[in-house]
Amino acid sequence: MNDHPTESMSAYLDEELDKEERMRIDRHLLQCEICRGLLADLMDMRSQVADFYGHLEAPPDLELKVLASLERKAAATTIHASSVAVPLVGLAALAVLACLYGATFFKLFSIVLQFVLTAAYVISNVASSIPGVWGSVLVLSAGIFVVSGLSLRRILRSAAH
C-alpha cells in the first residue's frame, strides 16, 4: 500500500472506524513502519493528555455557580407583557392608518415615483445631449471621490493617534 492513512489514524486509535476501514489500516500497519511510528506517537500524546487532565479538579462549588448563572440568564431573558404590548399597539395603529389612509398614501407614493422617474429621464437626456455637461458631471464626481478618500484617510489617521 503506497498511500499512508494518516488522516484516519486518530479515528483508528479511538476505534471510530467501520470494520472494513479498520482492517485496511491493520494490514497497512503490518507493512509500514512510518505509520506504526505515527500510531505510537498518537498513543503517547493521548496518554500525556489523559495524565495532564486527569490531575485537574473542578472547584467544589462549580456546579452551583453554573446553575446560578443559568438561572440568572433565564430570568433576564423572560418576556414581559409590557415588552410585547408596545410593538403590538404600534402594529395595530399602523394597520388602522393603512386602512383609513392607505389609498391616499398609495396615490401620493405613485405621484412621487412618477415625478422621480420623469426627473431622472429629463436629467439623463440633458446630460447625454450636451457633452460638456456630461464631462462636467464626471469631473465633479471624480473630485468628490478624491476629496472623500482624503478626508477618510485623515479621519482614520487621527483616530489611530
N, C-alpha and C. Protein backbone atom coordinates (compact mmCIF):
# COMPACT_ATOMS: atom_id res chain seq x y z
N MET A 1 0.86 -1.17 0.00
CA MET A 1 0.00 0.00 0.00
C MET A 1 0.90 1.22 0.00
N ASN A 2 0.75 2.09 -0.98
CA ASN A 2 1.63 3.24 -1.15
C ASN A 2 1.18 4.44 -0.33
N ASP A 3 -0.13 4.66 -0.25
CA ASP A 3 -0.58 5.84 0.48
C ASP A 3 -0.77 5.52 1.95
N HIS A 4 -0.41 6.49 2.78
CA HIS A 4 -0.46 6.30 4.23
C HIS A 4 -1.80 6.85 4.74
N PRO A 5 -2.48 6.11 5.58
CA PRO A 5 -3.78 6.57 6.10
C PRO A 5 -3.62 7.50 7.31
N THR A 6 -2.80 8.54 7.16
CA THR A 6 -2.50 9.41 8.30
C THR A 6 -3.74 10.15 8.81
N GLU A 7 -4.65 10.49 7.91
CA GLU A 7 -5.83 11.25 8.34
C GLU A 7 -6.79 10.38 9.15
N SER A 8 -6.68 9.07 9.01
CA SER A 8 -7.59 8.16 9.71
C SER A 8 -6.98 7.58 10.98
N MET A 9 -5.73 7.89 11.27
CA MET A 9 -5.05 7.27 12.41
C MET A 9 -5.70 7.63 13.75
N SER A 10 -6.10 8.87 13.93
CA SER A 10 -6.72 9.26 15.18
C SER A 10 -8.05 8.54 15.36
N ALA A 11 -8.83 8.45 14.28
CA ALA A 11 -10.10 7.71 14.36
C ALA A 11 -9.84 6.22 14.60
N TYR A 12 -8.75 5.70 14.03
CA TYR A 12 -8.38 4.30 14.25
C TYR A 12 -8.07 4.08 15.73
N LEU A 13 -7.29 4.98 16.31
CA LEU A 13 -6.91 4.87 17.71
C LEU A 13 -8.14 4.96 18.63
N ASP A 14 -9.10 5.81 18.25
CA ASP A 14 -10.30 5.99 19.07
C ASP A 14 -11.39 4.97 18.75
N GLU A 15 -11.07 4.03 17.87
CA GLU A 15 -12.00 2.97 17.45
C GLU A 15 -13.30 3.54 16.90
N GLU A 16 -13.16 4.55 16.02
CA GLU A 16 -14.31 5.19 15.42
C GLU A 16 -14.53 4.76 13.97
N LEU A 17 -13.72 3.84 13.46
CA LEU A 17 -13.81 3.42 12.06
C LEU A 17 -14.70 2.20 11.92
N ASP A 18 -15.25 2.03 10.73
CA ASP A 18 -16.02 0.80 10.49
C ASP A 18 -15.05 -0.37 10.33
N LYS A 19 -15.59 -1.56 10.29
CA LYS A 19 -14.79 -2.78 10.31
C LYS A 19 -13.85 -2.87 9.10
N GLU A 20 -14.33 -2.53 7.91
CA GLU A 20 -13.51 -2.62 6.70
C GLU A 20 -12.32 -1.66 6.75
N GLU A 21 -12.60 -0.43 7.14
CA GLU A 21 -11.53 0.57 7.20
C GLU A 21 -10.50 0.18 8.26
N ARG A 22 -10.96 -0.32 9.39
CA ARG A 22 -10.06 -0.73 10.46
C ARG A 22 -9.17 -1.89 9.99
N MET A 23 -9.73 -2.85 9.26
CA MET A 23 -8.95 -3.98 8.76
C MET A 23 -7.93 -3.51 7.71
N ARG A 24 -8.32 -2.54 6.89
CA ARG A 24 -7.40 -1.99 5.88
C ARG A 24 -6.19 -1.35 6.57
N ILE A 25 -6.46 -0.59 7.64
CA ILE A 25 -5.35 0.06 8.35
C ILE A 25 -4.52 -0.97 9.10
N ASP A 26 -5.17 -2.01 9.66
CA ASP A 26 -4.41 -3.09 10.31
C ASP A 26 -3.41 -3.71 9.34
N ARG A 27 -3.87 -4.01 8.12
CA ARG A 27 -2.97 -4.59 7.11
C ARG A 27 -1.84 -3.63 6.75
N HIS A 28 -2.18 -2.36 6.65
CA HIS A 28 -1.17 -1.36 6.32
C HIS A 28 -0.13 -1.25 7.44
N LEU A 29 -0.58 -1.29 8.68
CA LEU A 29 0.34 -1.16 9.81
C LEU A 29 1.32 -2.32 9.89
N LEU A 30 0.91 -3.49 9.42
CA LEU A 30 1.83 -4.64 9.41
C LEU A 30 3.01 -4.40 8.47
N GLN A 31 2.80 -3.59 7.44
CA GLN A 31 3.84 -3.38 6.42
C GLN A 31 4.55 -2.04 6.55
N CYS A 32 4.00 -1.09 7.28
CA CYS A 32 4.53 0.28 7.24
C CYS A 32 5.05 0.72 8.61
N GLU A 33 6.35 0.89 8.68
CA GLU A 33 6.97 1.32 9.92
C GLU A 33 6.66 2.78 10.24
N ILE A 34 6.52 3.60 9.20
CA ILE A 34 6.22 5.03 9.39
C ILE A 34 4.87 5.20 10.10
N CYS A 35 3.87 4.47 9.63
CA CYS A 35 2.53 4.58 10.23
C CYS A 35 2.49 3.97 11.63
N ARG A 36 3.27 2.93 11.86
CA ARG A 36 3.35 2.38 13.21
C ARG A 36 3.95 3.42 14.16
N GLY A 37 4.96 4.15 13.68
CA GLY A 37 5.55 5.21 14.49
C GLY A 37 4.56 6.33 14.76
N LEU A 38 3.77 6.70 13.73
CA LEU A 38 2.74 7.73 13.91
C LEU A 38 1.71 7.28 14.94
N LEU A 39 1.30 6.01 14.86
CA LEU A 39 0.33 5.48 15.81
C LEU A 39 0.91 5.48 17.22
N ALA A 40 2.18 5.14 17.35
CA ALA A 40 2.83 5.16 18.67
C ALA A 40 2.88 6.59 19.21
N ASP A 41 3.18 7.55 18.33
CA ASP A 41 3.20 8.96 18.76
C ASP A 41 1.81 9.41 19.22
N LEU A 42 0.78 9.02 18.48
CA LEU A 42 -0.58 9.39 18.86
C LEU A 42 -0.97 8.77 20.19
N MET A 43 -0.56 7.51 20.40
CA MET A 43 -0.87 6.85 21.67
C MET A 43 -0.15 7.54 22.83
N ASP A 44 1.11 7.96 22.58
CA ASP A 44 1.86 8.67 23.61
C ASP A 44 1.21 10.02 23.92
N MET A 45 0.80 10.74 22.87
CA MET A 45 0.15 12.04 23.07
C MET A 45 -1.17 11.87 23.81
N ARG A 46 -1.91 10.84 23.48
CA ARG A 46 -3.17 10.55 24.17
C ARG A 46 -2.92 10.30 25.65
N SER A 47 -1.87 9.58 25.96
CA SER A 47 -1.53 9.27 27.34
C SER A 47 -1.12 10.54 28.09
N GLN A 48 -0.35 11.41 27.43
CA GLN A 48 0.08 12.65 28.07
C GLN A 48 -1.11 13.56 28.36
N VAL A 49 -2.04 13.65 27.42
CA VAL A 49 -3.23 14.48 27.63
C VAL A 49 -4.06 13.92 28.78
N ALA A 50 -4.23 12.60 28.79
CA ALA A 50 -5.01 11.97 29.87
C ALA A 50 -4.34 12.21 31.22
N ASP A 51 -3.00 12.11 31.28
CA ASP A 51 -2.30 12.35 32.54
C ASP A 51 -2.46 13.80 32.99
N PHE A 52 -2.35 14.73 32.04
CA PHE A 52 -2.44 16.15 32.39
C PHE A 52 -3.83 16.50 32.91
N TYR A 53 -4.85 16.11 32.16
CA TYR A 53 -6.20 16.47 32.56
C TYR A 53 -6.75 15.57 33.65
N GLY A 54 -6.11 14.44 33.89
CA GLY A 54 -6.55 13.57 34.98
C GLY A 54 -6.28 14.17 36.34
N HIS A 55 -5.32 15.08 36.43
CA HIS A 55 -4.95 15.69 37.71
C HIS A 55 -5.74 16.96 38.00
N LEU A 56 -6.48 17.43 37.03
CA LEU A 56 -7.26 18.65 37.25
C LEU A 56 -8.52 18.33 38.03
N GLU A 57 -8.85 19.21 38.96
CA GLU A 57 -10.07 19.03 39.72
C GLU A 57 -10.89 20.32 39.64
N ALA A 58 -12.17 20.14 39.49
CA ALA A 58 -13.07 21.29 39.45
C ALA A 58 -13.30 21.79 40.87
N PRO A 59 -13.49 23.09 41.04
CA PRO A 59 -13.80 23.61 42.37
C PRO A 59 -15.11 22.98 42.88
N PRO A 60 -15.22 22.78 44.17
CA PRO A 60 -16.41 22.09 44.70
C PRO A 60 -17.72 22.82 44.42
N ASP A 61 -17.69 24.15 44.30
CA ASP A 61 -18.92 24.90 44.09
C ASP A 61 -19.16 25.24 42.61
N LEU A 62 -18.44 24.61 41.70
CA LEU A 62 -18.57 24.92 40.28
C LEU A 62 -19.99 24.65 39.78
N GLU A 63 -20.55 23.53 40.16
CA GLU A 63 -21.90 23.18 39.69
C GLU A 63 -22.92 24.21 40.16
N LEU A 64 -22.82 24.62 41.41
CA LEU A 64 -23.75 25.61 41.94
C LEU A 64 -23.61 26.95 41.22
N LYS A 65 -22.37 27.36 40.92
CA LYS A 65 -22.14 28.62 40.21
C LYS A 65 -22.72 28.56 38.80
N VAL A 66 -22.54 27.45 38.12
CA VAL A 66 -23.06 27.31 36.76
C VAL A 66 -24.58 27.35 36.77
N LEU A 67 -25.20 26.62 37.69
CA LEU A 67 -26.65 26.61 37.78
C LEU A 67 -27.20 28.00 38.13
N ALA A 68 -26.54 28.70 39.03
CA ALA A 68 -26.98 30.05 39.39
C ALA A 68 -26.86 30.99 38.20
N SER A 69 -25.79 30.86 37.45
CA SER A 69 -25.60 31.69 36.27
C SER A 69 -26.69 31.42 35.23
N LEU A 70 -27.01 30.15 35.03
CA LEU A 70 -28.07 29.79 34.09
C LEU A 70 -29.42 30.33 34.53
N GLU A 71 -29.69 30.28 35.83
CA GLU A 71 -30.95 30.81 36.34
C GLU A 71 -31.03 32.32 36.14
N ARG A 72 -29.91 33.04 36.35
CA ARG A 72 -29.89 34.49 36.14
C ARG A 72 -30.15 34.81 34.68
N LYS A 73 -29.52 34.05 33.78
CA LYS A 73 -29.73 34.31 32.35
C LYS A 73 -31.17 34.00 31.95
N ALA A 74 -31.74 32.95 32.48
CA ALA A 74 -33.12 32.60 32.16
C ALA A 74 -34.06 33.68 32.67
N ALA A 75 -33.80 34.22 33.85
CA ALA A 75 -34.65 35.28 34.40
C ALA A 75 -34.52 36.56 33.58
N ALA A 76 -33.33 36.83 33.07
CA ALA A 76 -33.11 38.05 32.31
C ALA A 76 -33.73 37.97 30.92
N THR A 77 -33.93 36.78 30.40
CA THR A 77 -34.46 36.64 29.04
C THR A 77 -35.95 36.36 29.00
N THR A 78 -36.63 36.38 30.13
CA THR A 78 -38.07 36.16 30.09
C THR A 78 -38.75 37.36 29.45
N ILE A 79 -39.82 37.09 28.73
CA ILE A 79 -40.55 38.14 28.01
C ILE A 79 -41.66 38.66 28.91
N HIS A 80 -41.63 39.96 29.14
CA HIS A 80 -42.65 40.59 29.95
C HIS A 80 -43.79 41.06 29.06
N ALA A 81 -44.98 41.15 29.60
CA ALA A 81 -46.15 41.56 28.83
C ALA A 81 -45.97 42.97 28.27
N SER A 82 -45.30 43.83 29.01
CA SER A 82 -45.13 45.21 28.54
C SER A 82 -44.18 45.28 27.35
N SER A 83 -43.21 44.37 27.28
CA SER A 83 -42.29 44.41 26.16
C SER A 83 -42.93 43.90 24.88
N VAL A 84 -44.03 43.17 24.99
CA VAL A 84 -44.74 42.68 23.82
C VAL A 84 -45.88 43.63 23.45
N ALA A 85 -46.45 44.28 24.44
CA ALA A 85 -47.62 45.12 24.21
C ALA A 85 -47.30 46.34 23.35
N VAL A 86 -46.17 46.98 23.57
CA VAL A 86 -45.84 48.20 22.84
C VAL A 86 -45.73 47.95 21.33
N PRO A 87 -44.98 46.93 20.88
CA PRO A 87 -44.95 46.69 19.43
C PRO A 87 -46.31 46.28 18.87
N LEU A 88 -47.08 45.54 19.64
CA LEU A 88 -48.41 45.15 19.15
C LEU A 88 -49.33 46.35 18.99
N VAL A 89 -49.28 47.30 19.92
CA VAL A 89 -50.07 48.52 19.80
C VAL A 89 -49.61 49.33 18.59
N GLY A 90 -48.31 49.39 18.37
CA GLY A 90 -47.78 50.09 17.21
C GLY A 90 -48.24 49.46 15.90
N LEU A 91 -48.20 48.13 15.84
CA LEU A 91 -48.68 47.43 14.64
C LEU A 91 -50.16 47.65 14.42
N ALA A 92 -50.94 47.65 15.50
CA ALA A 92 -52.38 47.89 15.37
C ALA A 92 -52.64 49.30 14.85
N ALA A 93 -51.92 50.29 15.37
CA ALA A 93 -52.09 51.66 14.91
C ALA A 93 -51.69 51.79 13.45
N LEU A 94 -50.64 51.12 13.06
CA LEU A 94 -50.21 51.15 11.66
C LEU A 94 -51.26 50.51 10.76
N ALA A 95 -51.87 49.41 11.21
CA ALA A 95 -52.91 48.75 10.43
C ALA A 95 -54.12 49.66 10.27
N VAL A 96 -54.53 50.37 11.35
CA VAL A 96 -55.67 51.29 11.28
C VAL A 96 -55.36 52.43 10.31
N LEU A 97 -54.16 53.00 10.40
CA LEU A 97 -53.78 54.08 9.48
C LEU A 97 -53.76 53.60 8.03
N ALA A 98 -53.28 52.38 7.81
CA ALA A 98 -53.24 51.84 6.45
C ALA A 98 -54.65 51.65 5.90
N CYS A 99 -55.57 51.21 6.78
CA CYS A 99 -56.96 51.02 6.32
C CYS A 99 -57.64 52.36 6.04
N LEU A 100 -57.41 53.35 6.89
CA LEU A 100 -58.08 54.65 6.72
C LEU A 100 -57.48 55.49 5.61
N TYR A 101 -56.13 55.53 5.56
CA TYR A 101 -55.48 56.44 4.64
C TYR A 101 -54.59 55.73 3.62
N GLY A 102 -54.73 54.43 3.49
CA GLY A 102 -53.88 53.65 2.59
C GLY A 102 -53.96 54.10 1.15
N ALA A 103 -55.19 54.38 0.67
CA ALA A 103 -55.36 54.79 -0.73
C ALA A 103 -54.69 56.14 -0.97
N THR A 104 -54.79 57.05 0.00
CA THR A 104 -54.17 58.36 -0.15
C THR A 104 -52.65 58.24 -0.18
N PHE A 105 -52.08 57.44 0.73
CA PHE A 105 -50.63 57.24 0.75
C PHE A 105 -50.15 56.58 -0.53
N PHE A 106 -50.93 55.61 -1.03
CA PHE A 106 -50.54 54.92 -2.26
C PHE A 106 -50.54 55.89 -3.44
N LYS A 107 -51.57 56.74 -3.53
CA LYS A 107 -51.65 57.71 -4.62
C LYS A 107 -50.50 58.71 -4.52
N LEU A 108 -50.21 59.19 -3.30
CA LEU A 108 -49.10 60.12 -3.10
C LEU A 108 -47.78 59.47 -3.48
N PHE A 109 -47.59 58.22 -3.09
CA PHE A 109 -46.36 57.49 -3.43
C PHE A 109 -46.23 57.33 -4.94
N SER A 110 -47.31 57.01 -5.63
CA SER A 110 -47.24 56.83 -7.08
C SER A 110 -46.93 58.15 -7.78
N ILE A 111 -47.46 59.27 -7.26
CA ILE A 111 -47.16 60.58 -7.86
C ILE A 111 -45.68 60.92 -7.66
N VAL A 112 -45.16 60.70 -6.47
CA VAL A 112 -43.74 60.97 -6.20
C VAL A 112 -42.86 60.08 -7.07
N LEU A 113 -43.23 58.81 -7.21
CA LEU A 113 -42.46 57.89 -8.04
C LEU A 113 -42.46 58.35 -9.49
N GLN A 114 -43.60 58.77 -10.00
CA GLN A 114 -43.67 59.27 -11.38
C GLN A 114 -42.80 60.52 -11.54
N PHE A 115 -42.82 61.41 -10.56
CA PHE A 115 -42.01 62.62 -10.62
C PHE A 115 -40.52 62.28 -10.65
N VAL A 116 -40.10 61.35 -9.80
CA VAL A 116 -38.69 60.96 -9.74
C VAL A 116 -38.26 60.32 -11.06
N LEU A 117 -39.08 59.44 -11.59
CA LEU A 117 -38.74 58.80 -12.87
C LEU A 117 -38.66 59.81 -14.00
N THR A 118 -39.58 60.75 -14.03
CA THR A 118 -39.57 61.78 -15.07
C THR A 118 -38.33 62.66 -14.93
N ALA A 119 -37.99 63.03 -13.70
CA ALA A 119 -36.80 63.86 -13.47
C ALA A 119 -35.54 63.11 -13.89
N ALA A 120 -35.46 61.84 -13.59
CA ALA A 120 -34.29 61.06 -14.00
C ALA A 120 -34.20 60.98 -15.52
N TYR A 121 -35.33 60.82 -16.18
CA TYR A 121 -35.34 60.75 -17.65
C TYR A 121 -34.88 62.07 -18.25
N VAL A 122 -35.40 63.19 -17.72
CA VAL A 122 -35.03 64.51 -18.24
C VAL A 122 -33.55 64.77 -18.00
N ILE A 123 -33.07 64.49 -16.79
CA ILE A 123 -31.66 64.75 -16.47
C ILE A 123 -30.75 63.91 -17.35
N SER A 124 -31.10 62.64 -17.56
CA SER A 124 -30.25 61.79 -18.39
C SER A 124 -30.25 62.25 -19.84
N ASN A 125 -31.39 62.72 -20.35
CA ASN A 125 -31.42 63.23 -21.72
C ASN A 125 -30.62 64.50 -21.87
N VAL A 126 -30.74 65.42 -20.91
CA VAL A 126 -29.97 66.67 -20.97
C VAL A 126 -28.48 66.36 -20.88
N ALA A 127 -28.10 65.50 -19.95
CA ALA A 127 -26.69 65.19 -19.75
C ALA A 127 -26.10 64.49 -20.97
N SER A 128 -26.86 63.62 -21.60
CA SER A 128 -26.31 62.90 -22.75
C SER A 128 -26.32 63.74 -24.02
N SER A 129 -27.20 64.76 -24.09
CA SER A 129 -27.26 65.58 -25.30
C SER A 129 -26.22 66.69 -25.30
N ILE A 130 -25.71 67.05 -24.14
CA ILE A 130 -24.71 68.11 -24.05
C ILE A 130 -23.44 67.50 -23.48
N PRO A 131 -22.44 67.23 -24.34
CA PRO A 131 -21.21 66.59 -23.86
C PRO A 131 -20.50 67.37 -22.77
N GLY A 132 -20.59 68.68 -22.80
CA GLY A 132 -19.95 69.48 -21.77
C GLY A 132 -20.53 69.22 -20.39
N VAL A 133 -21.82 69.06 -20.34
CA VAL A 133 -22.48 68.78 -19.05
C VAL A 133 -22.05 67.41 -18.55
N TRP A 134 -22.05 66.45 -19.48
CA TRP A 134 -21.66 65.08 -19.11
C TRP A 134 -20.24 65.04 -18.58
N GLY A 135 -19.34 65.74 -19.26
CA GLY A 135 -17.94 65.79 -18.82
C GLY A 135 -17.81 66.49 -17.48
N SER A 136 -18.58 67.56 -17.29
CA SER A 136 -18.54 68.28 -16.01
C SER A 136 -19.00 67.40 -14.87
N VAL A 137 -20.05 66.64 -15.12
CA VAL A 137 -20.57 65.74 -14.08
C VAL A 137 -19.51 64.70 -13.72
N LEU A 138 -18.84 64.15 -14.71
CA LEU A 138 -17.80 63.15 -14.44
C LEU A 138 -16.64 63.75 -13.65
N VAL A 139 -16.20 64.95 -14.04
CA VAL A 139 -15.09 65.60 -13.34
C VAL A 139 -15.50 65.93 -11.90
N LEU A 140 -16.71 66.45 -11.72
CA LEU A 140 -17.20 66.76 -10.38
C LEU A 140 -17.29 65.50 -9.53
N SER A 141 -17.79 64.41 -10.10
CA SER A 141 -17.89 63.14 -9.36
C SER A 141 -16.51 62.64 -8.96
N ALA A 142 -15.54 62.71 -9.88
CA ALA A 142 -14.19 62.27 -9.57
C ALA A 142 -13.58 63.13 -8.46
N GLY A 143 -13.83 64.43 -8.51
CA GLY A 143 -13.33 65.33 -7.47
C GLY A 143 -13.91 65.01 -6.11
N ILE A 144 -15.20 64.78 -6.06
CA ILE A 144 -15.84 64.42 -4.79
C ILE A 144 -15.28 63.11 -4.26
N PHE A 145 -15.04 62.15 -5.16
CA PHE A 145 -14.48 60.86 -4.76
C PHE A 145 -13.09 61.03 -4.14
N VAL A 146 -12.24 61.85 -4.78
CA VAL A 146 -10.89 62.06 -4.28
C VAL A 146 -10.92 62.78 -2.93
N VAL A 147 -11.72 63.82 -2.82
CA VAL A 147 -11.80 64.56 -1.56
C VAL A 147 -12.34 63.67 -0.44
N SER A 148 -13.31 62.83 -0.75
CA SER A 148 -13.84 61.92 0.26
C SER A 148 -12.77 60.94 0.73
N GLY A 149 -11.98 60.42 -0.20
CA GLY A 149 -10.92 59.49 0.16
C GLY A 149 -9.88 60.15 1.05
N LEU A 150 -9.49 61.37 0.70
CA LEU A 150 -8.51 62.09 1.52
C LEU A 150 -9.06 62.40 2.90
N SER A 151 -10.32 62.77 2.97
CA SER A 151 -10.93 63.05 4.27
C SER A 151 -10.99 61.80 5.12
N LEU A 152 -11.37 60.70 4.51
CA LEU A 152 -11.43 59.44 5.25
C LEU A 152 -10.05 59.05 5.75
N ARG A 153 -9.05 59.25 4.92
CA ARG A 153 -7.68 58.93 5.32
C ARG A 153 -7.26 59.76 6.53
N ARG A 154 -7.59 61.05 6.50
CA ARG A 154 -7.24 61.95 7.61
C ARG A 154 -7.97 61.54 8.88
N ILE A 155 -9.25 61.17 8.75
CA ILE A 155 -10.04 60.75 9.92
C ILE A 155 -9.45 59.49 10.52
N LEU A 156 -9.10 58.52 9.68
CA LEU A 156 -8.54 57.28 10.18
C LEU A 156 -7.19 57.48 10.84
N ARG A 157 -6.37 58.35 10.29
CA ARG A 157 -5.08 58.65 10.92
C ARG A 157 -5.24 59.32 12.27
N SER A 158 -6.20 60.28 12.35
CA SER A 158 -6.39 60.98 13.62
C SER A 158 -7.01 60.05 14.66
N ALA A 159 -7.81 59.09 14.22
CA ALA A 159 -8.42 58.14 15.17
C ALA A 159 -7.37 57.17 15.70
N ALA A 160 -6.33 56.89 14.90
CA ALA A 160 -5.30 55.96 15.31
C ALA A 160 -4.38 56.57 16.38
N HIS A 161 -4.30 57.89 16.43
CA HIS A 161 -3.41 58.55 17.39
C HIS A 161 -4.13 58.85 18.61
